[in-house]
């Protein structure tokens, strides 16, 4: 049996010799098989493209996440999260010194702080706390005044316990020396990005 589609010239087919019909059928069969092969190849190509697109999206999402984490570590973006706020205030008996602040920073880092600021000055790997003329406290080269509000993002329990050992912990020992210190837990703290000079590496590649 020879099936034809609606636009086939029926009269022409009836006039064909048997050999011509066989040749025509063979030709259509070859064309059909060629088209099927092309469709299968195209479907494989589409599947490959889809797979690459999905993989690229996953890679892009992973890179975006890693970049965001790197920027957070380097202080290039604002960060938020739970943590604690420690406020140190000068008293008549004792003024807050750079050593007090540096010691507090170290204690917070040991306790797992992921981001720290002093009076909203973000601390990064190159930050420094020092005196100007042995009088004024500076953070990242900017003068700071009492009270010194130190924010730290991390596990509030770990951060608080790291400072609160009775008598010998940071808070009790500084209070015994005459400083006014208040510690507060916060469910959400925002620490602004580092606003100092650009973070350029000259020798590290």
Protein backbone atom coordinates (compact mmCIF):
# COMPACT_ATOMS: atom_id res chain seq x y z
CA UNK A 1 0.00 0.00 0.00
CA UNK A 2 1.20 3.50 -0.82
CA UNK A 3 -0.17 6.25 1.46
CA UNK A 4 -0.16 9.82 0.25
CA UNK A 5 -0.87 13.20 1.87
CA UNK A 6 -3.59 15.55 0.68
CA UNK A 7 -1.49 17.59 -1.72
CA UNK A 8 -0.02 14.58 -3.59
CA UNK A 9 -0.74 14.52 -7.32
CA UNK A 10 -2.88 11.34 -7.55
CA UNK A 11 -3.10 11.37 -11.35
CA UNK A 12 0.66 11.51 -11.70
CA UNK A 13 1.09 8.56 -9.37
CA UNK A 14 -1.42 6.47 -11.32
CA UNK A 15 0.54 7.06 -14.52
CA UNK A 16 3.86 6.03 -12.97
CA UNK A 17 5.34 2.66 -13.81
CA UNK A 18 5.90 0.25 -10.96
CA UNK A 19 9.66 0.93 -11.02
CA UNK A 20 9.07 4.64 -10.77
CA UNK A 21 6.77 4.13 -7.81
CA UNK A 22 9.34 1.96 -6.03
CA UNK A 23 11.99 4.62 -6.65
CA UNK A 24 9.70 7.36 -5.35
CA UNK A 25 8.85 5.38 -2.24
CA UNK A 26 12.51 4.67 -1.57
CA UNK A 27 13.31 8.36 -1.97
CA UNK A 28 10.57 9.41 0.46
CA UNK A 29 11.70 6.74 2.95
CA UNK A 30 15.29 8.00 2.80
CA UNK A 31 14.12 11.58 3.26
CA UNK A 32 11.96 10.56 6.23
CA UNK A 33 14.82 8.69 7.90
CA UNK A 34 17.13 11.65 7.34
CA UNK A 35 14.63 14.01 8.95
CA UNK A 36 14.15 11.65 11.91
CA UNK A 37 17.93 11.49 12.37
CA UNK A 38 18.15 15.29 12.31
CA UNK A 39 15.34 15.58 14.87
CA UNK A 40 17.07 13.10 17.20
CA UNK A 41 20.37 14.96 16.82
CA UNK A 42 18.64 18.28 17.52
CA UNK A 43 16.96 16.87 20.63
CA UNK A 44 20.34 15.66 21.91
CA UNK A 45 21.82 19.12 21.29
CA UNK A 46 18.92 20.79 23.10
CA UNK A 47 19.39 18.42 26.05
CA UNK A 48 23.09 19.29 26.15
CA UNK A 49 22.27 23.02 26.09
CA UNK A 50 19.76 22.62 28.89
CA UNK A 51 22.27 20.69 30.97
CA UNK A 52 24.93 23.35 30.40
CA UNK A 53 22.49 26.12 31.28
CA UNK A 54 21.50 24.35 34.52
CA UNK A 55 25.14 23.73 35.41
CA UNK A 56 26.04 27.33 34.60
CA UNK A 57 23.20 28.57 36.77
CA UNK A 58 24.36 26.38 39.64
CA UNK A 59 27.95 27.52 39.16
CA UNK A 60 26.81 31.14 38.97
CA UNK A 61 24.78 30.80 42.16
CA UNK A 62 27.73 29.18 43.93
CA UNK A 63 30.11 31.91 42.74
CA UNK A 64 27.64 34.61 43.82
CA UNK A 65 27.41 33.01 47.27
CA UNK A 66 31.20 32.74 47.60
CA UNK A 67 31.65 36.33 46.42
CA UNK A 68 29.07 37.55 48.93
CA UNK A 69 30.83 35.67 51.74
CA UNK A 70 34.22 37.03 50.66
CA UNK A 71 32.87 40.58 50.57
CA UNK A 72 31.41 40.11 54.04
CA UNK A 73 34.74 38.87 55.39
CA UNK A 74 36.60 41.75 53.71
CA UNK A 75 34.03 44.22 55.01
CA UNK A 76 32.87 45.31 51.56
CA UNK A 77 29.17 45.06 52.37
CA UNK A 78 26.81 45.70 55.27
CA UNK A 79 26.04 42.62 57.34
CA UNK A 80 23.28 41.76 59.79
CA UNK A 81 22.69 39.01 62.31
CA UNK A 82 22.34 38.15 65.97
CA UNK A 83 25.03 39.09 68.44
CA UNK A 84 25.90 41.37 71.31
CA UNK A 85 26.58 45.06 71.89
CA UNK A 86 29.12 46.15 74.50
CA UNK A 87 29.19 49.81 75.53
CA UNK A 88 32.32 51.07 77.27
CA UNK A 89 32.18 54.52 78.90
CA UNK A 90 34.86 56.66 80.48
CA UNK A 91 34.51 57.34 84.21
CA UNK A 92 36.21 59.77 86.57
CA UNK A 93 38.47 56.97 87.72
CA UNK A 94 39.28 55.37 84.39
CA UNK A 95 39.25 56.24 80.67
CA UNK A 96 38.86 53.66 77.93
CA UNK A 97 42.19 53.01 76.20
CA UNK A 98 43.12 51.46 72.86
CA UNK A 99 44.37 48.43 74.81
CA UNK A 100 40.93 47.98 76.34
CA UNK A 101 39.36 47.97 72.89
CA UNK A 102 41.99 45.71 71.33
CA UNK A 103 41.68 43.23 74.17
CA UNK A 104 37.89 43.21 73.73
CA UNK A 105 38.24 42.65 69.98
CA UNK A 106 40.53 39.68 70.56
CA UNK A 107 38.13 38.16 73.09
CA UNK A 108 35.24 38.52 70.63
CA UNK A 109 37.21 36.92 67.81
CA UNK A 110 38.16 33.98 70.04
CA UNK A 111 34.46 33.60 70.93
CA UNK A 112 33.55 33.37 67.22
CA UNK A 113 32.55 36.89 66.22
CA UNK A 114 32.06 37.06 62.45
CA UNK A 115 31.92 40.87 62.18
CA UNK A 116 32.89 43.64 64.63
CA UNK A 117 32.58 47.42 64.67
CA UNK A 118 33.48 50.21 67.07
CA UNK A 119 31.20 53.24 66.88
CA UNK A 120 30.10 51.87 63.49
CA UNK A 121 33.69 51.70 62.22
CA UNK A 122 33.91 48.26 60.64
CA UNK A 123 36.97 46.28 61.68
CA UNK A 124 38.76 44.30 58.97
CA UNK A 125 42.12 42.53 58.67
CA UNK A 126 44.00 45.84 58.33
CA UNK A 127 42.10 47.82 61.00
CA UNK A 128 43.96 49.36 63.89
CA UNK A 129 43.07 50.99 67.19
CA UNK A 130 45.56 53.49 68.59
CA UNK A 131 46.19 56.76 70.40
CA UNK A 132 46.83 60.19 68.92
CA UNK A 133 49.24 62.13 71.15
CA UNK A 134 48.48 59.62 73.91
CA UNK A 135 45.09 61.31 74.35
CA UNK A 136 42.61 60.55 71.58
CA UNK A 137 41.51 57.06 70.63
CA UNK A 138 41.35 56.36 66.91
CA UNK A 139 39.82 53.46 64.95
CA UNK A 140 40.88 53.07 61.33
CA UNK A 141 42.58 56.46 61.69
CA UNK A 142 39.38 58.23 62.79
CA UNK A 143 39.05 59.82 66.21
CA UNK A 144 36.48 58.23 68.52
CA UNK A 145 34.93 59.48 71.72
CA UNK A 146 33.35 57.81 74.74
CA UNK A 147 31.04 55.96 74.89
CA UNK A 148 32.55 53.27 72.66
CA UNK A 149 29.80 51.06 71.24
CA UNK A 150 31.26 47.73 70.14
CA UNK A 151 28.97 45.55 68.02
CA UNK A 152 29.71 41.89 67.32
CA UNK A 153 27.75 39.47 65.13
CA UNK A 154 27.90 35.81 66.03
CA UNK A 155 26.37 33.28 68.40
CA UNK A 156 25.16 35.51 71.28
CA UNK A 157 25.64 32.78 73.89
CA UNK A 158 29.24 32.10 72.90
CA UNK A 159 30.07 35.80 72.63
CA UNK A 160 28.55 36.64 76.01
CA UNK A 161 30.06 33.69 77.84
CA UNK A 162 33.48 34.53 76.39
CA UNK A 163 33.39 37.87 78.18
CA UNK A 164 31.49 37.02 81.36
CA UNK A 165 33.66 34.68 83.40
CA UNK A 166 33.13 35.73 87.00
CA UNK A 167 35.81 38.07 88.36
CA UNK A 168 38.43 37.09 85.77
CA UNK A 169 36.41 37.66 82.59
CA UNK A 170 36.78 40.78 80.47
CA UNK A 171 33.69 42.55 81.81
CA UNK A 172 34.25 41.92 85.51
CA UNK A 173 37.96 42.71 85.36
CA UNK A 174 37.36 46.03 83.58
CA UNK A 175 34.60 46.96 85.99
CA UNK A 176 36.94 46.31 88.90
CA UNK A 177 39.37 48.74 87.23
CA UNK A 178 36.70 51.44 87.18
CA UNK A 179 35.25 51.28 83.67
CA UNK A 180 31.53 51.44 82.99
CA UNK A 181 30.56 48.46 80.80
CA UNK A 182 27.12 47.35 79.63
CA UNK A 183 26.48 44.20 77.58
CA UNK A 184 23.28 43.59 75.64
CA UNK A 185 22.11 40.67 73.53
CA UNK A 186 20.43 41.51 70.24
CA UNK A 187 18.47 39.32 67.83
CA UNK A 188 19.47 41.53 64.92
CA UNK A 189 22.50 43.79 64.65
CA UNK A 190 23.58 45.66 61.53
CA UNK A 191 27.24 46.45 61.01
CA UNK A 192 28.03 48.79 58.10
CA UNK A 193 30.63 48.05 55.47
CA UNK A 194 34.20 49.26 55.79
CA UNK A 195 34.40 52.88 54.64
CA UNK A 196 38.14 53.37 54.63
CA UNK A 197 40.61 53.24 51.74
CA UNK A 198 40.14 50.70 48.95
CA UNK A 199 41.23 47.19 49.84
CA UNK A 200 43.97 46.66 47.29
CA UNK A 201 46.60 43.92 47.40
CA UNK A 202 49.98 44.94 46.00
CA UNK A 203 51.99 41.77 46.50
CA UNK A 204 49.40 39.06 47.10
CA UNK A 205 48.32 37.40 43.84
